[in-house]
């Protein structure tokens, strides 16, 4: 399997995972589960609310970063290596 095909497959899988996370967030909003989780703060379980939202933010951010890298791979972007910029050797 070529490098670009592998990156395309990973891109599709990452897109599906991010779509599922988005669906989960919208579903919780529609079903008013987000109000239930905020009631945990009053019940002394505020750490659960904080852990959930921080975890959601971290996972989504990491997945979006990887997704952007895979998009660049599929498009064929290649990083150009800089030469010796120290100026010591010529």
C-alpha atoms as a PDB file:
ATOM      1  CA  UNK A   1       0.000   0.000   0.000  1.00  0.00           C
ATOM      2  CA  UNK A   2       1.468   3.347  -0.990  1.00  0.00           C
ATOM      3  CA  UNK A   3       2.081   6.099   1.521  1.00  0.00           C
ATOM      4  CA  UNK A   4      -0.693   8.296   0.129  1.00  0.00           C
ATOM      5  CA  UNK A   5      -3.287   5.493   0.128  1.00  0.00           C
ATOM      6  CA  UNK A   6      -2.425   4.668   3.719  1.00  0.00           C
ATOM      7  CA  UNK A   7      -2.752   8.346   4.653  1.00  0.00           C
ATOM      8  CA  UNK A   8      -6.108   8.515   2.829  1.00  0.00           C
ATOM      9  CA  UNK A   9      -7.415   5.513   4.771  1.00  0.00           C
ATOM     10  CA  UNK A  10      -6.253   7.090   8.046  1.00  0.00           C
ATOM     11  CA  UNK A  11      -7.860  10.367   6.980  1.00  0.00           C
ATOM     12  CA  UNK A  12     -11.204   8.640   6.461  1.00  0.00           C
ATOM     13  CA  UNK A  13     -10.998   6.856   9.822  1.00  0.00           C
ATOM     14  CA  UNK A  14     -10.078  10.102  11.636  1.00  0.00           C
ATOM     15  CA  UNK A  15     -12.949  11.918   9.917  1.00  0.00           C
ATOM     16  CA  UNK A  16     -15.392   9.251  11.099  1.00  0.00           C
ATOM     17  CA  UNK A  17     -14.066   9.434  14.669  1.00  0.00           C
ATOM     18  CA  UNK A  18     -14.310  13.233  14.736  1.00  0.00           C
ATOM     19  CA  UNK A  19     -17.820  12.979  13.262  1.00  0.00           C
ATOM     20  CA  UNK A  20     -18.825  10.583  16.052  1.00  0.00           C
ATOM     21  CA  UNK A  21     -17.429  12.935  18.695  1.00  0.00           C
ATOM     22  CA  UNK A  22     -19.381  15.810  17.130  1.00  0.00           C
ATOM     23  CA  UNK A  23     -22.545  13.699  17.014  1.00  0.00           C
ATOM     24  CA  UNK A  24     -22.037  12.751  20.671  1.00  0.00           C
ATOM     25  CA  UNK A  25     -21.737  16.403  21.674  1.00  0.00           C
ATOM     26  CA  UNK A  26     -24.846  17.442  19.703  1.00  0.00           C
ATOM     27  CA  UNK A  27     -26.825  14.471  21.031  1.00  0.00           C
ATOM     28  CA  UNK A  28     -25.942  15.395  24.620  1.00  0.00           C
ATOM     29  CA  UNK A  29     -27.102  18.939  23.951  1.00  0.00           C
ATOM     30  CA  UNK A  30     -30.396  17.793  22.412  1.00  0.00           C
ATOM     31  CA  UNK A  31     -31.109  15.288  25.204  1.00  0.00           C
ATOM     32  CA  UNK A  32     -30.230  17.864  27.919  1.00  0.00           C
ATOM     33  CA  UNK A  33     -27.489  15.635  29.306  1.00  0.00           C
ATOM     34  CA  UNK A  34     -25.228  18.679  29.521  1.00  0.00           C
ATOM     35  CA  UNK A  35     -27.568  20.171  32.156  1.00  0.00           C
ATOM     36  CA  UNK A  36     -27.393  16.924  34.113  1.00  0.00           C
ATOM     37  CA  UNK A  37     -23.604  16.953  34.110  1.00  0.00           C
ATOM     38  CA  UNK A  38     -23.610  20.563  35.337  1.00  0.00           C
ATOM     39  CA  UNK A  39     -25.798  19.475  38.267  1.00  0.00           C
ATOM     40  CA  UNK A  40     -22.830  17.367  39.389  1.00  0.00           C
ATOM     41  CA  UNK A  41     -21.128  20.613  40.405  1.00  0.00           C
ATOM     42  CA  UNK A  42     -23.814  21.303  43.019  1.00  0.00           C
ATOM     43  CA  UNK A  43     -23.702  17.686  44.180  1.00  0.00           C
ATOM     44  CA  UNK A  44     -19.988  17.901  44.971  1.00  0.00           C
ATOM     45  CA  UNK A  45     -18.917  15.918  41.903  1.00  0.00           C
ATOM     46  CA  UNK A  46     -17.652  18.889  39.940  1.00  0.00           C
ATOM     47  CA  UNK A  47     -14.433  17.078  39.130  1.00  0.00           C
ATOM     48  CA  UNK A  48     -16.393  14.730  36.845  1.00  0.00           C
ATOM     49  CA  UNK A  49     -17.700  17.667  34.843  1.00  0.00           C
ATOM     50  CA  UNK A  50     -14.236  19.182  34.542  1.00  0.00           C
ATOM     51  CA  UNK A  51     -12.616  15.860  33.594  1.00  0.00           C
ATOM     52  CA  UNK A  52     -15.254  15.186  30.952  1.00  0.00           C
ATOM     53  CA  UNK A  53     -14.941  18.555  29.245  1.00  0.00           C
ATOM     54  CA  UNK A  54     -11.148  18.740  29.466  1.00  0.00           C
ATOM     55  CA  UNK A  55     -10.901  15.198  28.115  1.00  0.00           C
ATOM     56  CA  UNK A  56     -13.257  16.065  25.275  1.00  0.00           C
ATOM     57  CA  UNK A  57     -11.221  19.160  24.394  1.00  0.00           C
ATOM     58  CA  UNK A  58      -7.868  17.335  24.547  1.00  0.00           C
ATOM     59  CA  UNK A  59      -9.004  14.344  22.486  1.00  0.00           C
ATOM     60  CA  UNK A  60     -10.681  16.531  19.873  1.00  0.00           C
ATOM     61  CA  UNK A  61      -7.654  18.812  19.618  1.00  0.00           C
ATOM     62  CA  UNK A  62      -5.226  15.933  19.177  1.00  0.00           C
ATOM     63  CA  UNK A  63      -7.432  14.257  16.583  1.00  0.00           C
ATOM     64  CA  UNK A  64      -7.843  17.505  14.641  1.00  0.00           C
ATOM     65  CA  UNK A  65      -4.063  18.019  14.651  1.00  0.00           C
ATOM     66  CA  UNK A  66      -3.462  14.514  13.321  1.00  0.00           C
ATOM     67  CA  UNK A  67      -6.251  15.020  10.767  1.00  0.00           C
ATOM     68  CA  UNK A  68      -4.572  18.157   9.432  1.00  0.00           C
ATOM     69  CA  UNK A  69      -1.285  16.265   9.066  1.00  0.00           C
ATOM     70  CA  UNK A  70      -3.000  13.465   7.151  1.00  0.00           C
ATOM     71  CA  UNK A  71      -4.707  15.979   4.851  1.00  0.00           C
ATOM     72  CA  UNK A  72      -1.294  17.420   4.022  1.00  0.00           C
ATOM     73  CA  UNK A  73       0.077  13.915   3.371  1.00  0.00           C
ATOM     74  CA  UNK A  74      -2.778  13.083   1.009  1.00  0.00           C
ATOM     75  CA  UNK A  75      -2.276  16.355  -0.865  1.00  0.00           C
ATOM     76  CA  UNK A  76       1.412  15.494  -1.291  1.00  0.00           C
ATOM     77  CA  UNK A  77       2.960  18.239   0.823  1.00  0.00           C
ATOM     78  CA  UNK A  78       6.631  17.606   1.492  1.00  0.00           C
ATOM     79  CA  UNK A  79       8.609  19.527   4.034  1.00  0.00           C
ATOM     80  CA  UNK A  80      11.741  21.133   2.652  1.00  0.00           C
ATOM     81  CA  UNK A  81      14.809  20.569   4.785  1.00  0.00           C
ATOM     82  CA  UNK A  82      16.839  23.668   5.566  1.00  0.00           C
ATOM     83  CA  UNK A  83      20.563  23.512   5.031  1.00  0.00           C
ATOM     84  CA  UNK A  84      23.201  24.349   7.610  1.00  0.00           C
ATOM     85  CA  UNK A  85      22.075  27.702   8.973  1.00  0.00           C
ATOM     86  CA  UNK A  86      24.725  27.961  11.694  1.00  0.00           C
ATOM     87  CA  UNK A  87      27.133  29.620   9.280  1.00  0.00           C
ATOM     88  CA  UNK A  88      30.132  27.749  10.686  1.00  0.00           C
ATOM     89  CA  UNK A  89      30.886  25.547   7.692  1.00  0.00           C
ATOM     90  CA  UNK A  90      30.849  26.601   4.052  1.00  0.00           C
END
